[in-house]
């Protein structure tokens, strides 16, 4: 089931006409529905953008690069041997 189900204006007009509404009423309902869909979409995009911008407030303290730690010396390896040991 999709999270957002939108109906086209043509489908709304068809259903409104078959429901017994006069043509002027069908057009008014269809226009109102289309406007509500656009307003809802704009609000969702605005909210998503706002959350994205707010998330940047927490990122200035994050490290910019990888911080490497010194590798511990392997005390069991003979002198002069490098690389991973099994």
C-alpha atoms as a PDB file:
ATOM      1  CA  UNK A   1       0.000   0.000   0.000  1.00  0.00           C
ATOM      2  CA  UNK A   2       1.575   3.306  -1.018  1.00  0.00           C
ATOM      3  CA  UNK A   3       2.099   5.961   1.617  1.00  0.00           C
ATOM      4  CA  UNK A   4       0.765   8.699  -0.631  1.00  0.00           C
ATOM      5  CA  UNK A   5      -2.190   7.972  -2.851  1.00  0.00           C
ATOM      6  CA  UNK A   6      -3.063  10.722  -5.327  1.00  0.00           C
ATOM      7  CA  UNK A   7      -5.982  10.758  -7.718  1.00  0.00           C
ATOM      8  CA  UNK A   8      -5.883  12.503 -11.027  1.00  0.00           C
ATOM      9  CA  UNK A   9      -8.329  15.268 -11.774  1.00  0.00           C
ATOM     10  CA  UNK A  10      -9.897  13.210 -14.546  1.00  0.00           C
ATOM     11  CA  UNK A  11     -10.676  10.373 -12.175  1.00  0.00           C
ATOM     12  CA  UNK A  12     -12.229  12.774  -9.663  1.00  0.00           C
ATOM     13  CA  UNK A  13     -14.379  14.337 -12.363  1.00  0.00           C
ATOM     14  CA  UNK A  14     -15.531  10.908 -13.527  1.00  0.00           C
ATOM     15  CA  UNK A  15     -16.437   9.774 -10.029  1.00  0.00           C
ATOM     16  CA  UNK A  16     -18.146  13.083  -9.223  1.00  0.00           C
ATOM     17  CA  UNK A  17     -20.243  12.971 -12.364  1.00  0.00           C
ATOM     18  CA  UNK A  18     -21.312   9.396 -11.745  1.00  0.00           C
ATOM     19  CA  UNK A  19     -22.182  10.342  -8.149  1.00  0.00           C
ATOM     20  CA  UNK A  20     -24.954  12.658  -9.300  1.00  0.00           C
ATOM     21  CA  UNK A  21     -23.245  16.033  -8.800  1.00  0.00           C
ATOM     22  CA  UNK A  22     -23.993  18.795 -11.289  1.00  0.00           C
ATOM     23  CA  UNK A  23     -21.075  19.715 -13.604  1.00  0.00           C
ATOM     24  CA  UNK A  24     -20.391  22.986 -11.767  1.00  0.00           C
ATOM     25  CA  UNK A  25     -20.205  21.118  -8.452  1.00  0.00           C
ATOM     26  CA  UNK A  26     -17.890  18.478  -9.916  1.00  0.00           C
ATOM     27  CA  UNK A  27     -15.554  21.192 -11.210  1.00  0.00           C
ATOM     28  CA  UNK A  28     -15.539  23.001  -7.857  1.00  0.00           C
ATOM     29  CA  UNK A  29     -14.803  19.808  -5.922  1.00  0.00           C
ATOM     30  CA  UNK A  30     -12.092  18.791  -8.415  1.00  0.00           C
ATOM     31  CA  UNK A  31     -10.401  22.184  -8.238  1.00  0.00           C
ATOM     32  CA  UNK A  32     -10.556  22.157  -4.460  1.00  0.00           C
ATOM     33  CA  UNK A  33      -9.108  18.635  -4.353  1.00  0.00           C
ATOM     34  CA  UNK A  34      -6.272  19.509  -6.749  1.00  0.00           C
ATOM     35  CA  UNK A  35      -5.419  22.621  -4.712  1.00  0.00           C
ATOM     36  CA  UNK A  36      -5.424  20.594  -1.495  1.00  0.00           C
ATOM     37  CA  UNK A  37      -3.081  18.017  -3.063  1.00  0.00           C
ATOM     38  CA  UNK A  38      -0.638  20.718  -4.177  1.00  0.00           C
ATOM     39  CA  UNK A  39      -0.752  22.471  -0.805  1.00  0.00           C
ATOM     40  CA  UNK A  40      -0.109  19.177   0.979  1.00  0.00           C
ATOM     41  CA  UNK A  41       2.814  18.379  -1.303  1.00  0.00           C
ATOM     42  CA  UNK A  42       4.292  21.855  -0.771  1.00  0.00           C
ATOM     43  CA  UNK A  43       3.936  21.496   3.001  1.00  0.00           C
ATOM     44  CA  UNK A  44       5.638  18.095   2.944  1.00  0.00           C
ATOM     45  CA  UNK A  45       8.544  19.428   0.860  1.00  0.00           C
ATOM     46  CA  UNK A  46       8.875  22.451   3.149  1.00  0.00           C
ATOM     47  CA  UNK A  47       8.881  20.246   6.250  1.00  0.00           C
ATOM     48  CA  UNK A  48      11.498  17.941   4.736  1.00  0.00           C
ATOM     49  CA  UNK A  49      13.681  20.916   3.851  1.00  0.00           C
ATOM     50  CA  UNK A  50      13.280  22.350   7.337  1.00  0.00           C
ATOM     51  CA  UNK A  51      14.325  19.091   8.977  1.00  0.00           C
ATOM     52  CA  UNK A  52      17.313  18.895   6.635  1.00  0.00           C
ATOM     53  CA  UNK A  53      18.418  22.430   7.484  1.00  0.00           C
ATOM     54  CA  UNK A  54      17.947  21.802  11.202  1.00  0.00           C
ATOM     55  CA  UNK A  55      20.076  18.678  10.965  1.00  0.00           C
ATOM     56  CA  UNK A  56      23.008  20.808   9.806  1.00  0.00           C
ATOM     57  CA  UNK A  57      23.001  22.549  13.193  1.00  0.00           C
ATOM     58  CA  UNK A  58      24.369  19.396  14.787  1.00  0.00           C
ATOM     59  CA  UNK A  59      27.084  18.716  12.232  1.00  0.00           C
ATOM     60  CA  UNK A  60      29.723  21.450  12.863  1.00  0.00           C
ATOM     61  CA  UNK A  61      31.231  19.437  15.709  1.00  0.00           C
ATOM     62  CA  UNK A  62      31.605  16.275  13.661  1.00  0.00           C
ATOM     63  CA  UNK A  63      35.148  15.395  12.580  1.00  0.00           C
ATOM     64  CA  UNK A  64      36.003  16.451   9.047  1.00  0.00           C
ATOM     65  CA  UNK A  65      38.390  13.582   8.371  1.00  0.00           C
ATOM     66  CA  UNK A  66      39.229  10.155   9.622  1.00  0.00           C
ATOM     67  CA  UNK A  67      41.168  10.174  12.812  1.00  0.00           C
ATOM     68  CA  UNK A  68      43.677   7.363  12.764  1.00  0.00           C
ATOM     69  CA  UNK A  69      44.823   5.691  15.937  1.00  0.00           C
ATOM     70  CA  UNK A  70      48.305   4.304  16.330  1.00  0.00           C
ATOM     71  CA  UNK A  71      48.384   0.561  15.829  1.00  0.00           C
ATOM     72  CA  UNK A  72      49.407  -1.381  18.887  1.00  0.00           C
ATOM     73  CA  UNK A  73      52.730  -3.170  18.651  1.00  0.00           C
ATOM     74  CA  UNK A  74      52.526  -6.908  18.313  1.00  0.00           C
ATOM     75  CA  UNK A  75      54.766  -8.175  21.091  1.00  0.00           C
ATOM     76  CA  UNK A  76      54.780 -11.770  19.814  1.00  0.00           C
ATOM     77  CA  UNK A  77      56.263 -10.884  16.397  1.00  0.00           C
ATOM     78  CA  UNK A  78      60.002 -11.308  15.856  1.00  0.00           C
ATOM     79  CA  UNK A  79      62.018  -8.156  15.309  1.00  0.00           C
ATOM     80  CA  UNK A  80      61.875  -6.746  11.761  1.00  0.00           C
ATOM     81  CA  UNK A  81      58.608  -8.481  10.793  1.00  0.00           C
ATOM     82  CA  UNK A  82      55.885  -6.143   9.562  1.00  0.00           C
ATOM     83  CA  UNK A  83      52.309  -6.627   8.487  1.00  0.00           C
ATOM     84  CA  UNK A  84      49.393  -8.492   9.970  1.00  0.00           C
ATOM     85  CA  UNK A  85      50.023 -11.638  11.880  1.00  0.00           C
ATOM     86  CA  UNK A  86      47.724 -14.633  12.025  1.00  0.00           C
END
